[in-house]
């Protein structure tokens, strides 16, 4: 619609500039006319100059009754030529737009394919991460259950060891009482030594037995002390293992939190990709509507050209009088809306 308005506004100016250049004796060329006008496009100037040149040829030739038909035929031929040229330009423009549409569709298809590939890759990665997270969680639960079981067993062992220690302490107390009693007996025997001189042999035998029993009690006490030291070392080792297991459990908990954060980031990225895909589809629909509108305009333009041809055929001259064109004005304007 803007091209038709520009042509109606500049047609008279182009004719005046062409007449002025001809009166000055200068060559009427497209560049000279466009330079004199200072506006317009080369396509509009070329079309209007072809009409002006046709009018000049008609002005320089005397028309007879027979020449009218040839002139009308020439005008029709020019009209056909211009119509074919306009249709060719419209077809080229439509082909160019169709090619642009195909390229845009191909690009959209490539973008959609890349998006689908990215979504599939993201889904696969998310599924893999979820699988790894589930596997890690299951391993953590298993290890936690194992640690809990081991901790329970350790506690049971500690309780058992505490029981053993209590029993050993009780035994030590009993042995201590026995040792004190033995010492008392020894002292008593020392006091009664003079009285038991006549039973030296028997007294010495009893003293030997008591010394042997005391020695055995000392050895047993030493063994109990060694057992208590071993139990303390074992208890320290078990406590160290428990601390290590707690630290490992904390590290596994941190890794699980990091994995969950990565999953949330990938979900956000998938949502952003869905929004970009919707925007691309909306742009493609808008571009398709523009192409359909342009095709509708081409259909209307073809209908107007057909109406113009019909109007020219209905205006054919019916008398044999000589006519003369009016100056440099064209026989008929081809740019009427």
Protein backbone atom coordinates (compact mmCIF):
# COMPACT_ATOMS: atom_id res chain seq x y z
CA UNK A 1 0.00 0.00 0.00
CA UNK A 2 2.90 2.42 0.69
CA UNK A 3 4.40 1.81 -2.81
CA UNK A 4 1.14 2.81 -4.52
CA UNK A 5 0.89 6.01 -2.47
CA UNK A 6 4.50 6.98 -3.27
CA UNK A 7 3.90 6.37 -7.03
CA UNK A 8 0.75 8.56 -7.13
CA UNK A 9 2.62 11.36 -5.40
CA UNK A 10 5.73 11.35 -7.69
CA UNK A 11 4.30 10.50 -11.16
CA UNK A 12 3.54 14.12 -12.16
CA UNK A 13 6.92 15.24 -10.81
CA UNK A 14 8.73 12.61 -12.88
CA UNK A 15 6.90 13.73 -16.06
CA UNK A 16 7.79 17.40 -15.36
CA UNK A 17 11.46 16.58 -14.74
CA UNK A 18 11.62 14.50 -17.95
CA UNK A 19 10.04 17.36 -19.97
CA UNK A 20 12.45 19.86 -18.41
CA UNK A 21 15.49 17.72 -19.23
CA UNK A 22 14.27 17.27 -22.81
CA UNK A 23 13.71 21.02 -23.25
CA UNK A 24 17.23 21.67 -21.97
CA UNK A 25 18.62 19.28 -24.57
CA UNK A 26 20.00 16.90 -21.96
CA UNK A 27 19.79 13.12 -22.02
CA UNK A 28 16.74 11.86 -20.19
CA UNK A 29 18.23 9.04 -18.12
CA UNK A 30 17.12 7.36 -14.95
CA UNK A 31 20.09 8.69 -12.96
CA UNK A 32 19.46 12.27 -14.17
CA UNK A 33 15.74 12.12 -13.32
CA UNK A 34 16.44 10.59 -9.87
CA UNK A 35 19.13 13.24 -9.20
CA UNK A 36 16.76 16.06 -10.20
CA UNK A 37 13.93 14.71 -8.03
CA UNK A 38 16.09 14.07 -5.00
CA UNK A 39 13.63 11.46 -3.69
CA UNK A 40 11.86 8.31 -4.74
CA UNK A 41 13.23 4.92 -5.75
CA UNK A 42 14.86 3.65 -8.96
CA UNK A 43 11.99 1.17 -9.50
CA UNK A 44 9.33 3.93 -9.43
CA UNK A 45 11.38 6.22 -11.70
CA UNK A 46 11.96 3.41 -14.23
CA UNK A 47 8.25 2.51 -14.37
CA UNK A 48 7.06 6.12 -14.78
CA UNK A 49 9.81 6.88 -17.36
CA UNK A 50 8.62 3.95 -19.47
CA UNK A 51 5.16 5.55 -19.50
CA UNK A 52 6.67 8.93 -20.38
CA UNK A 53 8.69 7.42 -23.24
CA UNK A 54 5.54 5.71 -24.54
CA UNK A 55 3.73 9.05 -24.46
CA UNK A 56 6.62 10.72 -26.33
CA UNK A 57 6.52 8.08 -29.05
CA UNK A 58 2.77 8.52 -29.39
CA UNK A 59 3.23 12.33 -29.50
CA UNK A 60 5.84 12.20 -32.30
CA UNK A 61 3.65 10.06 -34.60
CA UNK A 62 0.44 11.19 -36.32
CA UNK A 63 -2.33 8.81 -35.52
CA UNK A 64 -4.82 7.71 -38.15
CA UNK A 65 -7.88 5.55 -37.81
CA UNK A 66 -5.81 2.45 -38.57
CA UNK A 67 -2.99 3.56 -36.31
CA UNK A 68 -5.40 3.76 -33.36
CA UNK A 69 -5.71 -0.01 -33.23
CA UNK A 70 -1.94 -0.43 -33.44
CA UNK A 71 -1.51 2.17 -30.70
CA UNK A 72 -4.09 0.41 -28.60
CA UNK A 73 -2.32 -2.86 -29.29
CA UNK A 74 0.98 -1.26 -28.33
CA UNK A 75 -0.59 0.05 -25.13
CA UNK A 76 -1.99 -3.38 -24.37
CA UNK A 77 1.39 -4.92 -25.10
CA UNK A 78 3.03 -2.44 -22.71
CA UNK A 79 0.34 -3.14 -20.16
CA UNK A 80 0.93 -6.86 -20.53
CA UNK A 81 4.66 -6.31 -20.25
CA UNK A 82 4.24 -4.21 -17.13
CA UNK A 83 1.74 -6.69 -15.71
CA UNK A 84 4.09 -9.62 -16.40
CA UNK A 85 6.94 -7.65 -14.88
CA UNK A 86 4.86 -6.86 -11.78
CA UNK A 87 3.74 -10.47 -11.52
CA UNK A 88 7.32 -11.64 -11.97
CA UNK A 89 8.48 -9.28 -9.25
CA UNK A 90 5.62 -10.42 -7.02
CA UNK A 91 6.48 -14.06 -7.74
CA UNK A 92 10.17 -13.44 -7.00
CA UNK A 93 9.24 -11.66 -3.78
CA UNK A 94 6.87 -14.49 -2.84
CA UNK A 95 9.59 -17.05 -3.64
CA UNK A 96 12.07 -15.08 -1.55
CA UNK A 97 9.62 -14.86 1.34
CA UNK A 98 8.82 -18.56 0.96
CA UNK A 99 12.53 -19.34 1.06
CA UNK A 100 12.91 -17.16 4.14
CA UNK A 101 9.95 -18.95 5.72
CA UNK A 102 11.51 -22.34 4.91
CA UNK A 103 14.86 -21.21 6.31
CA UNK A 104 13.16 -19.88 9.43
CA UNK A 105 11.20 -23.11 9.80
CA UNK A 106 14.40 -25.09 9.33
CA UNK A 107 16.11 -22.96 11.93
CA UNK A 108 13.14 -23.36 14.29
CA UNK A 109 13.21 -27.11 13.62
CA UNK A 110 16.94 -27.21 14.36
CA UNK A 111 16.42 -25.16 17.51
CA UNK A 112 13.53 -27.40 18.56
CA UNK A 113 15.63 -30.49 17.83
CA UNK A 114 18.52 -29.03 19.81
CA UNK A 115 16.09 -28.17 22.59
CA UNK A 116 14.64 -31.70 22.52
CA UNK A 117 18.16 -33.15 22.59
CA UNK A 118 19.05 -30.86 25.48
CA UNK A 119 15.84 -31.80 27.31
CA UNK A 120 16.48 -35.50 26.69
CA UNK A 121 20.06 -35.12 27.86
CA UNK A 122 18.91 -33.20 30.91
CA UNK A 123 16.24 -35.80 31.63
CA UNK A 124 18.77 -38.59 31.26
CA UNK A 125 21.19 -36.76 33.55
CA UNK A 126 18.42 -36.08 36.04
CA UNK A 127 17.37 -39.73 35.92
CA UNK A 128 21.01 -40.79 36.35
CA UNK A 129 21.48 -38.35 39.22
CA UNK A 130 18.25 -39.54 40.80
CA UNK A 131 19.37 -43.14 40.37
CA UNK A 132 22.76 -42.31 41.87
CA UNK A 133 21.07 -40.38 44.65
CA UNK A 134 18.72 -43.29 45.35
CA UNK A 135 21.64 -45.71 45.25
CA UNK A 136 23.69 -43.44 47.49
CA UNK A 137 20.74 -42.99 49.84
CA UNK A 138 20.21 -46.74 49.96
CA UNK A 139 23.92 -47.26 50.62
CA UNK A 140 23.80 -44.61 53.32
CA UNK A 141 20.78 -46.28 54.90
CA UNK A 142 22.50 -49.67 54.70
CA UNK A 143 25.71 -48.28 56.15
CA UNK A 144 23.68 -46.45 58.80
CA UNK A 145 21.86 -49.67 59.67
CA UNK A 146 25.18 -51.51 59.73
CA UNK A 147 26.72 -48.83 61.92
CA UNK A 148 23.66 -48.91 64.15
CA UNK A 149 23.97 -52.69 64.42
CA UNK A 150 27.69 -52.45 65.11
CA UNK A 151 27.04 -49.71 67.64
CA UNK A 152 24.46 -51.91 69.36
CA UNK A 153 26.90 -54.81 69.36
CA UNK A 154 29.60 -52.52 70.70
CA UNK A 155 27.30 -51.32 73.42
CA UNK A 156 26.46 -54.90 74.27
CA UNK A 157 30.17 -55.73 74.38
CA UNK A 158 30.75 -52.68 76.57
CA UNK A 159 27.98 -53.79 78.91
CA UNK A 160 29.46 -57.27 78.97
CA UNK A 161 32.92 -55.86 79.64
CA UNK A 162 31.49 -53.65 82.38
CA UNK A 163 29.91 -56.74 83.90
CA UNK A 164 33.24 -58.56 83.66
CA UNK A 165 35.01 -55.61 85.28
CA UNK A 166 32.47 -55.55 88.11
CA UNK A 167 32.93 -59.30 88.56
CA UNK A 168 36.68 -58.90 88.50
CA UNK A 169 36.47 -56.09 91.03
CA UNK A 170 34.36 -58.30 93.25
CA UNK A 171 36.89 -61.11 92.87
CA UNK A 172 39.70 -58.66 93.63
CA UNK A 173 37.86 -57.54 96.74
CA UNK A 174 37.46 -61.15 97.80
CA UNK A 175 41.11 -61.88 97.09
CA UNK A 176 42.08 -58.73 98.95
CA UNK A 177 40.08 -59.93 101.92
CA UNK A 178 41.77 -63.30 101.63
CA UNK A 179 45.18 -61.62 101.47
CA UNK A 180 44.41 -59.56 104.56
CA UNK A 181 43.17 -62.65 106.29
CA UNK A 182 46.32 -64.47 105.24
CA UNK A 183 48.46 -61.64 106.59
CA UNK A 184 46.57 -61.75 109.84
CA UNK A 185 47.03 -65.46 109.97
CA UNK A 186 50.74 -65.00 109.30
CA UNK A 187 51.04 -62.50 112.09
CA UNK A 188 49.10 -64.76 114.35
CA UNK A 189 51.35 -67.64 113.43
CA UNK A 190 54.40 -65.51 114.14
CA UNK A 191 53.03 -64.77 117.60
CA UNK A 192 52.28 -68.38 118.12
CA UNK A 193 55.70 -69.50 116.84
CA UNK A 194 57.11 -70.03 120.26
CA UNK A 195 54.12 -71.99 121.25
CA UNK A 196 54.27 -74.09 118.12
CA UNK A 197 57.94 -74.98 118.42
CA UNK A 198 57.06 -78.51 119.02
CA UNK A 199 55.13 -78.54 115.79
CA UNK A 200 57.86 -76.99 113.67
CA UNK A 201 57.47 -79.38 110.88
CA UNK A 202 53.75 -78.98 110.71
CA UNK A 203 53.98 -75.20 111.11
CA UNK A 204 56.57 -74.93 108.35
CA UNK A 205 54.36 -76.96 106.05
CA UNK A 206 51.41 -74.71 106.69
CA UNK A 207 53.57 -71.60 106.19
CA UNK A 208 54.80 -72.97 102.88
CA UNK A 209 51.24 -73.64 101.76
CA UNK A 210 50.18 -70.16 102.76
CA UNK A 211 53.12 -68.56 100.91
CA UNK A 212 52.24 -70.56 97.81
CA UNK A 213 48.62 -69.47 98.07
CA UNK A 214 49.65 -65.82 98.53
CA UNK A 215 51.93 -66.06 95.48
CA UNK A 216 49.08 -67.48 93.42
CA UNK A 217 46.81 -64.70 94.59
CA UNK A 218 49.41 -62.08 93.54
CA UNK A 219 49.76 -63.66 90.08
CA UNK A 220 45.97 -63.73 89.65
CA UNK A 221 45.78 -60.07 90.74
CA UNK A 222 48.43 -59.14 88.19
CA UNK A 223 46.50 -60.99 85.46
CA UNK A 224 43.35 -59.13 86.42
CA UNK A 225 45.20 -55.79 86.15
CA UNK A 226 46.51 -56.76 82.70
CA UNK A 227 42.98 -57.72 81.62
CA UNK A 228 41.68 -54.37 82.85
CA UNK A 229 44.37 -52.49 80.86
CA UNK A 230 43.53 -54.51 77.74
CA UNK A 231 39.85 -53.73 78.23
CA UNK A 232 40.62 -50.00 78.46
CA UNK A 233 42.70 -50.13 75.24
CA UNK A 234 39.91 -52.02 73.49
CA UNK A 235 37.39 -49.47 74.72
CA UNK A 236 39.52 -46.59 73.34
CA UNK A 237 39.84 -48.36 69.98
CA UNK A 238 36.08 -48.91 69.78
CA UNK A 239 35.46 -45.23 70.64
CA UNK A 240 37.85 -44.16 67.86
CA UNK A 241 36.02 -46.40 65.36
CA UNK A 242 32.72 -44.90 66.47
CA UNK A 243 34.04 -41.33 65.97
CA UNK A 244 35.32 -42.25 62.49
CA UNK A 245 31.94 -43.73 61.57
CA UNK A 246 30.16 -40.56 62.76
CA UNK A 247 32.49 -38.38 60.64
CA UNK A 248 31.89 -40.59 57.60
CA UNK A 249 28.13 -40.32 58.14
CA UNK A 250 28.39 -36.50 58.26
CA UNK A 251 30.35 -36.43 54.96
CA UNK A 252 27.78 -38.67 53.29
CA UNK A 253 25.01 -36.35 54.52
CA UNK A 254 26.80 -33.32 52.99
CA UNK A 255 27.19 -35.16 49.64
CA UNK A 256 23.48 -36.02 49.64
CA UNK A 257 22.58 -32.33 50.22
CA UNK A 258 24.87 -31.25 47.34
CA UNK A 259 23.26 -33.81 45.04
CA UNK A 260 19.78 -32.55 45.91
CA UNK A 261 20.84 -28.93 45.20
CA UNK A 262 22.21 -29.95 41.78
CA UNK A 263 18.91 -31.66 41.00
CA UNK A 264 17.00 -28.47 41.86
CA UNK A 265 19.27 -26.40 39.56
CA UNK A 266 18.72 -28.80 36.65
CA UNK A 267 14.95 -28.67 37.19
CA UNK A 268 15.06 -24.84 37.02
CA UNK A 269 17.08 -25.04 33.79
CA UNK A 270 14.48 -27.40 32.27
CA UNK A 271 11.69 -24.92 33.15
CA UNK A 272 13.66 -22.07 31.44
CA UNK A 273 14.07 -24.23 28.31
CA UNK A 274 10.29 -24.87 28.24
CA UNK A 275 9.67 -21.09 28.31
CA UNK A 276 12.16 -20.51 25.42
CA UNK A 277 10.41 -23.20 23.35
CA UNK A 278 7.01 -21.55 23.88
CA UNK A 279 8.47 -18.16 22.77
CA UNK A 280 9.91 -19.72 19.58
CA UNK A 281 6.56 -21.30 18.73
CA UNK A 282 4.78 -17.96 19.22
CA UNK A 283 7.30 -16.20 16.87
CA UNK A 284 6.77 -18.90 14.22
CA UNK A 285 3.00 -18.47 14.39
CA UNK A 286 3.33 -14.67 14.03
CA UNK A 287 5.64 -15.07 11.01
CA UNK A 288 3.18 -17.53 9.40
CA UNK A 289 0.35 -15.01 9.85
CA UNK A 290 2.49 -12.34 8.12
CA UNK A 291 3.15 -14.63 5.14
CA UNK A 292 -0.57 -15.44 4.84
CA UNK A 293 -1.38 -11.71 4.94
CA UNK A 294 1.19 -11.01 2.19
CA UNK A 295 -0.30 -13.76 0.01
CA UNK A 296 -3.74 -12.24 0.51
CA UNK A 297 -2.39 -8.87 -0.62
CA UNK A 298 -0.89 -10.50 -3.74
CA UNK A 299 -4.30 -12.00 -4.54
CA UNK A 300 -5.95 -8.58 -4.19
CA UNK A 301 -3.24 -7.03 -6.43
CA UNK A 302 -3.86 -9.68 -9.16
CA UNK A 303 -7.59 -8.93 -8.98
CA UNK A 304 -6.92 -5.20 -9.40
CA UNK A 305 -4.65 -5.82 -12.41
CA UNK A 306 -7.39 -7.92 -14.00
CA UNK A 307 -9.91 -5.11 -13.40
CA UNK A 308 -7.48 -2.61 -14.97
CA UNK A 309 -7.08 -4.76 -18.09
CA UNK A 310 -10.87 -5.01 -18.39
CA UNK A 311 -11.19 -1.23 -18.02
CA UNK A 312 -8.57 -0.63 -20.76
CA UNK A 313 -10.30 -3.01 -23.12
CA UNK A 314 -13.63 -1.24 -22.55
CA UNK A 315 -12.05 2.15 -23.34
CA UNK A 316 -10.92 1.28 -26.89
CA UNK A 317 -11.63 4.21 -29.41
CA UNK A 318 -14.77 3.84 -31.59
CA UNK A 319 -14.21 6.78 -34.06
CA UNK A 320 -11.64 7.47 -36.80
CA UNK A 321 -10.71 11.02 -35.87
CA UNK A 322 -7.10 11.87 -35.32
CA UNK A 323 -6.15 12.44 -31.74
CA UNK A 324 -3.13 13.99 -30.25
CA UNK A 325 -1.72 13.28 -26.78
CA UNK A 326 -1.75 16.16 -24.35
CA UNK A 327 1.86 17.14 -23.93
CA UNK A 328 3.95 14.68 -21.98
CA UNK A 329 1.10 13.29 -19.89
CA UNK A 330 0.60 9.54 -20.26
CA UNK A 331 -2.55 8.19 -21.91
CA UNK A 332 -3.69 6.64 -18.65
CA UNK A 333 -2.37 6.32 -15.14
CA UNK A 334 -1.48 2.75 -14.16
CA UNK A 335 -1.21 3.55 -10.47
CA UNK A 336 -4.79 4.26 -9.54
CA UNK A 337 -5.79 2.43 -6.43
